[in-house]
Protein backbone atom coordinates (compact mmCIF):
# COMPACT_ATOMS: atom_id res chain seq x y z
CA MET A 1 -8.86 -27.74 22.96
CA SER A 2 -7.61 -24.40 24.25
CA THR A 3 -4.28 -22.88 22.70
CA PRO A 4 -1.38 -23.33 24.94
CA PRO A 5 -0.36 -19.83 26.69
CA SER A 6 2.89 -19.91 25.15
CA VAL A 7 1.51 -20.23 21.49
CA ALA A 8 -0.99 -17.43 22.38
CA SER A 9 1.75 -15.16 23.61
CA ASP A 10 4.06 -15.82 20.73
CA ALA A 11 1.02 -14.91 18.35
CA ALA A 12 0.30 -11.76 20.41
CA ASP A 13 3.91 -10.66 19.98
CA ALA A 14 4.05 -11.39 16.23
CA ALA A 15 0.73 -9.44 15.73
CA ARG A 16 2.05 -6.44 17.89
CA ALA A 17 5.43 -6.53 15.79
CA ALA A 18 3.49 -6.56 12.49
CA PHE A 19 1.30 -3.59 13.80
CA ALA A 20 4.44 -1.65 14.77
CA ALA A 21 6.06 -2.41 11.49
CA ASP A 22 3.08 -1.24 9.31
CA VAL A 23 2.67 1.88 11.60
CA ALA A 24 6.31 2.81 11.06
CA ARG A 25 6.17 2.27 7.26
CA SER A 26 2.97 4.20 6.78
CA LEU A 27 3.59 7.07 9.00
CA ALA A 28 6.92 7.58 7.02
CA LEU A 29 5.06 8.09 3.71
CA MET A 30 3.89 11.39 2.30
CA PRO A 31 1.11 12.14 2.99
CA ARG A 32 1.29 10.33 6.23
CA GLN A 33 -0.99 7.31 6.42
CA LEU A 34 -2.17 4.45 8.67
CA PRO A 35 -3.39 1.10 7.51
CA THR A 36 -7.03 0.87 7.48
CA HIS A 37 -7.54 -2.66 8.67
CA TYR A 38 -6.17 -1.51 11.87
CA LEU A 39 -9.44 0.44 12.54
CA TYR A 40 -11.14 -2.76 13.56
CA ASP A 41 -10.07 -3.61 16.98
CA ALA A 42 -12.74 -4.50 19.51
CA LEU A 43 -13.79 -0.88 20.16
CA GLY A 44 -13.50 -0.04 16.40
CA SER A 45 -15.65 -2.83 15.40
CA ALA A 46 -18.38 -1.91 17.83
CA LEU A 47 -18.10 1.65 16.72
CA PHE A 48 -18.57 0.61 12.97
CA ASP A 49 -21.41 -1.62 13.97
CA ALA A 50 -22.96 1.65 15.37
CA ILE A 51 -22.17 3.47 12.02
CA CYS A 52 -24.20 0.76 10.19
CA HIS A 53 -27.38 1.87 12.22
CA LEU A 54 -26.99 5.60 11.31
CA PRO A 55 -29.48 7.05 9.05
CA TRP A 56 -26.80 8.60 6.94
CA TYR A 57 -24.83 5.48 6.29
CA ARG A 58 -27.22 3.48 4.06
CA VAL A 59 -24.86 0.74 2.85
CA ALA A 60 -25.64 -1.86 5.45
CA LYS A 61 -29.28 -1.31 5.66
CA THR A 62 -29.72 -1.41 1.85
CA GLU A 63 -27.58 -4.48 1.43
CA GLN A 64 -29.51 -6.29 4.21
CA ARG A 65 -32.75 -5.65 2.17
CA LEU A 66 -31.08 -6.87 -1.05
CA LEU A 67 -30.07 -10.10 0.67
CA ALA A 68 -33.46 -10.66 2.42
CA ALA A 69 -35.23 -9.99 -0.95
CA HIS A 70 -32.93 -12.10 -3.15
CA ALA A 71 -31.19 -14.76 -1.02
CA SER A 72 -33.36 -17.63 -2.47
CA GLU A 73 -32.71 -16.33 -6.04
CA ILE A 74 -29.04 -16.15 -5.23
CA PHE A 75 -28.91 -19.98 -4.10
CA ALA A 76 -31.07 -20.95 -6.91
CA ARG A 77 -28.49 -19.88 -9.23
CA LEU A 78 -25.86 -21.99 -7.60
CA LYS A 79 -24.97 -25.62 -7.42
CA PRO A 80 -25.31 -27.37 -4.06
CA VAL A 81 -22.95 -25.55 -1.76
CA SER A 82 -20.56 -27.11 0.54
CA ALA A 83 -18.60 -24.09 1.94
CA VAL A 84 -19.40 -20.46 2.26
CA VAL A 85 -16.44 -18.18 3.04
CA GLU A 86 -17.11 -14.56 4.26
CA LEU A 87 -14.34 -12.20 4.27
CA GLY A 88 -14.83 -9.45 6.74
CA PRO A 89 -18.14 -10.77 8.47
CA GLY A 90 -18.64 -7.84 10.84
CA SER A 91 -21.52 -8.73 13.24
CA GLY A 92 -22.73 -11.63 11.10
CA GLU A 93 -26.21 -10.17 10.46
CA LYS A 94 -25.80 -10.23 6.65
CA LEU A 95 -24.54 -13.67 6.47
CA ALA A 96 -27.29 -15.13 8.72
CA THR A 97 -29.63 -13.46 6.39
CA LEU A 98 -28.23 -15.18 3.49
CA MET A 99 -27.87 -18.59 5.21
CA ALA A 100 -31.38 -18.75 6.40
CA VAL A 101 -32.46 -19.81 3.03
CA CYS A 102 -29.78 -22.12 2.31
CA ASP A 103 -31.10 -25.73 2.21
CA ASP A 104 -27.72 -27.54 2.03
CA ARG A 105 -27.25 -29.46 5.47
CA ASP A 106 -23.51 -30.17 5.12
CA VAL A 107 -22.43 -26.59 4.69
CA THR A 108 -19.18 -25.36 6.38
CA VAL A 109 -19.02 -21.56 7.14
CA HIS A 110 -15.56 -20.00 7.14
CA LEU A 111 -15.22 -16.49 8.75
CA VAL A 112 -12.05 -14.54 8.09
CA ASP A 113 -11.23 -11.29 9.84
CA VAL A 114 -8.36 -9.79 11.63
CA SER A 115 -10.72 -8.75 14.66
CA PRO A 116 -11.38 -11.51 17.22
CA ALA A 117 -14.25 -9.39 18.41
CA ALA A 118 -15.92 -9.39 14.94
CA LEU A 119 -15.26 -13.18 14.64
CA ASP A 120 -16.78 -13.80 18.01
CA SER A 121 -19.86 -11.60 17.30
CA ALA A 122 -20.41 -13.23 13.65
CA ALA A 123 -20.05 -16.80 15.15
CA THR A 124 -22.51 -16.13 17.95
CA ARG A 125 -25.04 -14.65 15.51
CA LEU A 126 -24.85 -17.50 13.02
CA LEU A 127 -25.17 -20.18 15.73
CA ALA A 128 -28.07 -18.46 17.28
CA ALA A 129 -29.82 -18.64 13.91
CA SER A 130 -28.59 -22.06 12.81
CA PRO A 131 -27.29 -23.99 16.01
CA SER A 132 -26.03 -26.90 13.92
CA LEU A 133 -23.96 -24.92 11.62
CA ALA A 134 -20.29 -25.85 11.25
CA ILE A 135 -18.21 -22.56 11.51
CA VAL A 136 -14.45 -22.20 11.30
CA ALA A 137 -13.10 -18.95 12.30
CA HIS A 138 -9.71 -17.63 10.85
CA GLU A 139 -8.10 -14.56 12.65
CA ALA A 140 -6.34 -13.53 9.47
CA THR A 141 -6.02 -10.97 6.70
CA TYR A 142 -8.16 -11.85 3.67
CA GLU A 143 -5.17 -13.25 1.82
CA GLY A 144 -4.21 -15.30 4.79
CA GLY A 145 -7.72 -16.71 5.38
CA LEU A 146 -7.96 -17.62 1.76
CA SER A 147 -4.69 -19.52 1.89
CA ALA A 148 -5.64 -21.30 4.84
CA ILE A 149 -9.21 -22.43 3.39
CA SER A 150 -7.62 -23.29 -0.07
CA GLY A 151 -6.25 -26.48 1.64
CA THR A 152 -9.42 -27.56 3.21
CA ARG A 153 -11.63 -27.83 0.06
CA ALA A 154 -14.53 -30.46 0.22
CA ALA A 155 -14.31 -33.16 -2.60
CA THR A 156 -17.83 -32.27 -3.71
CA GLY A 157 -19.95 -29.23 -3.70
CA GLN A 158 -19.43 -25.54 -4.59
CA THR A 159 -17.66 -22.94 -2.59
CA LEU A 160 -19.28 -19.47 -2.36
CA VAL A 161 -17.03 -16.59 -1.34
CA VAL A 162 -19.16 -13.75 0.17
CA PHE A 163 -17.44 -10.28 0.22
CA LEU A 164 -20.07 -7.65 1.61
CA GLY A 165 -20.31 -4.24 2.86
CA SER A 166 -18.38 -2.69 -0.07
CA ASN A 167 -15.23 -3.76 1.70
CA ILE A 168 -13.87 -4.13 -1.83
CA GLY A 169 -14.05 -0.21 -1.87
CA ASN A 170 -11.10 -0.08 0.83
CA PHE A 171 -8.88 -1.16 -2.04
CA ASP A 172 -7.43 0.99 -4.69
CA PRO A 173 -8.25 -0.33 -8.16
CA ALA A 174 -4.90 -2.30 -8.53
CA GLY A 175 -5.41 -3.69 -4.99
CA ALA A 176 -8.88 -4.61 -5.75
CA ASP A 177 -7.86 -6.32 -9.04
CA ALA A 178 -5.11 -8.44 -6.91
CA LEU A 179 -7.68 -9.32 -4.12
CA LEU A 180 -10.14 -10.46 -6.61
CA ALA A 181 -7.57 -12.50 -8.43
CA ALA A 182 -6.55 -14.16 -5.12
CA ILE A 183 -10.02 -15.03 -4.45
CA ARG A 184 -10.29 -16.45 -7.88
CA ALA A 185 -7.04 -18.49 -7.28
CA THR A 186 -8.54 -20.07 -4.23
CA LEU A 187 -11.61 -21.25 -6.30
CA ALA A 188 -12.25 -24.10 -8.73
CA ALA A 189 -14.09 -23.34 -11.95
CA GLY A 190 -17.74 -23.03 -11.28
CA ASP A 191 -17.38 -21.84 -7.64
CA ALA A 192 -18.90 -18.40 -6.97
CA LEU A 193 -18.33 -14.93 -5.40
CA LEU A 194 -21.02 -12.67 -4.03
CA LEU A 195 -19.71 -9.22 -3.96
CA GLY A 196 -21.20 -6.08 -2.45
CA THR A 197 -20.29 -2.64 -3.81
CA ASP A 198 -21.30 0.91 -2.95
CA LEU A 199 -21.98 3.01 -6.02
CA VAL A 200 -21.27 6.65 -6.66
CA LYS A 201 -23.98 9.04 -5.14
CA PRO A 202 -24.29 12.68 -4.86
CA GLU A 203 -21.35 14.26 -3.02
CA ALA A 204 -23.63 15.59 -0.04
CA ASP A 205 -24.90 12.15 0.67
CA LEU A 206 -21.47 10.59 0.69
CA LEU A 207 -19.94 13.27 3.18
CA LEU A 208 -22.87 12.70 5.50
CA ALA A 209 -22.15 9.01 5.44
CA TYR A 210 -18.41 9.70 6.24
CA ASP A 211 -18.79 12.35 8.63
CA ASP A 212 -21.92 12.13 10.55
CA PRO A 213 -23.56 14.69 12.58
CA LEU A 214 -23.51 12.49 15.74
CA GLY A 215 -19.68 12.25 15.42
CA VAL A 216 -19.58 8.21 15.52
CA THR A 217 -17.48 8.02 12.28
CA ALA A 218 -15.14 10.56 14.00
CA ALA A 219 -14.70 8.37 17.15
CA PHE A 220 -14.34 5.41 14.83
CA ASP A 221 -11.43 7.16 12.88
CA LYS A 222 -9.86 8.59 16.16
CA ASN A 223 -9.97 5.18 17.72
CA LEU A 224 -7.04 4.13 15.40
CA LEU A 225 -4.89 6.84 17.24
CA ALA A 226 -6.23 5.46 20.54
CA ARG A 227 -5.02 1.90 19.40
CA VAL A 228 -1.62 2.99 18.51
CA ASN A 229 -1.44 4.60 21.91
CA ARG A 230 -2.58 1.52 23.71
CA GLU A 231 -0.81 -1.20 21.92
CA LEU A 232 2.30 0.55 20.78
CA GLY A 233 2.99 3.26 23.61
CA GLY A 234 2.09 6.23 21.42
CA ASP A 235 1.31 9.53 22.76
CA PHE A 236 -1.11 10.88 20.18
CA ASP A 237 -3.39 13.52 21.90
CA LEU A 238 -6.70 12.86 20.29
CA ARG A 239 -8.12 16.30 21.30
CA GLN A 240 -5.61 17.60 18.82
CA PHE A 241 -7.03 15.94 15.85
CA ALA A 242 -9.97 16.56 13.63
CA HIS A 243 -11.84 14.04 11.44
CA ARG A 244 -12.14 15.03 7.90
CA ALA A 245 -14.01 13.27 5.06
CA VAL A 246 -13.26 14.40 1.57
CA TRP A 247 -14.95 13.21 -1.77
CA ASN A 248 -12.18 12.77 -4.43
CA ALA A 249 -14.27 12.66 -7.68
CA ALA A 250 -11.51 12.19 -10.05
CA ALA A 251 -10.43 8.97 -8.13
CA SER A 252 -14.15 8.02 -7.41
CA ARG A 253 -13.37 7.61 -3.67
CA ILE A 254 -14.17 8.98 -0.13
CA GLU A 255 -11.05 9.74 1.75
CA MET A 256 -11.00 9.94 5.64
CA HIS A 257 -8.31 12.03 7.33
CA LEU A 258 -7.04 12.87 10.71
CA VAL A 259 -5.97 16.43 10.57
CA SER A 260 -3.57 17.86 13.23
CA LEU A 261 -5.02 21.02 14.76
CA ARG A 262 -1.62 22.31 15.81
CA GLN A 263 2.02 21.74 15.20
CA GLN A 264 2.80 18.83 17.67
CA ARG A 265 5.42 16.16 18.30
CA VAL A 266 4.49 12.61 18.52
CA ARG A 267 6.25 9.55 19.62
CA VAL A 268 5.56 5.87 19.11
CA PRO A 269 8.22 3.84 20.83
CA ALA A 270 7.41 0.53 19.79
CA ALA A 271 7.52 1.77 16.08
CA HIS A 272 10.62 3.86 16.55
CA ILE A 273 8.61 7.03 15.63
CA ASP A 274 9.37 10.41 16.66
CA MET A 275 7.75 13.01 14.32
CA THR A 276 6.48 16.53 14.14
CA LEU A 277 3.36 17.20 12.64
CA ALA A 278 2.44 20.68 11.18
CA ALA A 279 -0.71 22.49 11.93
CA GLY A 280 -3.32 21.25 9.28
CA GLU A 281 -1.27 18.22 8.46
CA PRO A 282 -3.36 15.15 7.49
CA ILE A 283 -2.94 11.43 8.33
CA TRP A 284 -4.75 9.35 5.81
CA THR A 285 -6.66 6.55 7.41
CA GLU A 286 -9.20 4.98 4.93
CA SER A 287 -10.08 5.30 1.21
CA SER A 288 -13.64 4.02 0.16
CA TYR A 289 -13.96 3.61 -3.62
CA LYS A 290 -17.26 3.82 -5.20
CA TYR A 291 -18.30 1.90 -8.39
CA ARG A 292 -20.84 2.47 -11.06
CA LEU A 293 -22.91 -0.64 -12.20
CA GLY A 294 -21.21 -0.64 -15.59
CA ASP A 295 -17.66 -0.85 -13.75
CA LEU A 296 -18.42 -4.31 -12.15
CA GLU A 297 -18.42 -6.63 -15.06
CA PRO A 298 -15.04 -5.64 -16.54
CA VAL A 299 -13.46 -5.66 -13.09
CA LEU A 300 -14.60 -9.02 -12.21
CA GLY A 301 -13.76 -10.34 -15.70
CA ARG A 302 -10.09 -9.26 -15.36
CA ALA A 303 -9.98 -11.48 -12.25
CA GLY A 304 -11.37 -14.46 -14.05
CA PHE A 305 -15.12 -14.18 -13.02
CA ARG A 306 -18.25 -14.01 -15.26
CA VAL A 307 -21.44 -12.27 -13.78
CA ARG A 308 -24.31 -14.50 -13.11
CA GLY A 309 -26.70 -12.14 -11.56
CA GLN A 310 -26.85 -8.59 -10.31
CA TRP A 311 -29.27 -6.69 -7.97
CA SER A 312 -29.20 -2.88 -7.00
CA GLU A 313 -31.19 -0.52 -4.85
CA ASP A 314 -30.57 2.91 -3.40
CA GLY A 315 -27.00 3.27 -4.53
CA PHE A 316 -25.74 -0.27 -3.80
CA ALA A 317 -25.13 -3.37 -5.74
CA LEU A 318 -24.94 -7.24 -4.91
CA THR A 319 -23.26 -9.10 -7.87
CA LEU A 320 -22.91 -12.92 -8.10
CA ALA A 321 -20.20 -13.97 -10.15
CA GLU A 322 -18.86 -17.58 -11.26
CA ALA A 323 -15.22 -18.52 -11.51
CA ALA A 324 -14.71 -19.17 -15.08
């Protein structure tokens, strides 16, 4: 059944209003910021998929190898699974690899993402691999998706939440704690979480991963300004901004910034913004926190999980945790 046009229009208007409010609030901060999750519109999602194929960004390839090598072991450590929930599924390639070894026939897969393009891509890939798989897409934030899913729990079987790609790294420590606690609150005791985390590496390797020589990450970053222009009527001149990646060792995070190349005035009518940026002034667009293996057990423990298994390779880790 299709969504009535009036409902779709209302939803689009609400999403645009939320976008405008978030942009207004974030650009008023010092240093100026833009919310990371708005990087992932249709073009942003496609650019991120391209980043995952770059030789300098090893997260996706390493995680894929770990999943292929250990998927059977992961499911062997679980009870019969009735629901798999992936937060931020991207192209769906990693979940397809995981689900290829799942023997449970009556599994419902829930995909949660703010990007309709990502949801469509993930669902298409999963159905191509498993045509009979039941898939429910939730165009929502992680918290919104978890809230919607919490009311649909099956009477029997285990729920597995999958949070891969080191997406947990986009949250500061307090935010990561809050999100993990929200995931735990959705689950019953004995349910599980599979968490992918990027680990601390040499600074040179990290900087290449987030400021690649081909400029794909720079295009991904600048597309956020292009999205503000497209959807909110902004007049950012993308030629007057440079992408910059910085390793903040004290905070254990990579920071991405868009730096104004000259003093310039920028207007975003839908967000009621009329601001002047100084030459060299940055807009902070993303943080990617990196973990050490020893960090993960206490982080998960604070949220009410206990570690059941862990696999690592080439500076990346998969951790399977059970809701206590």
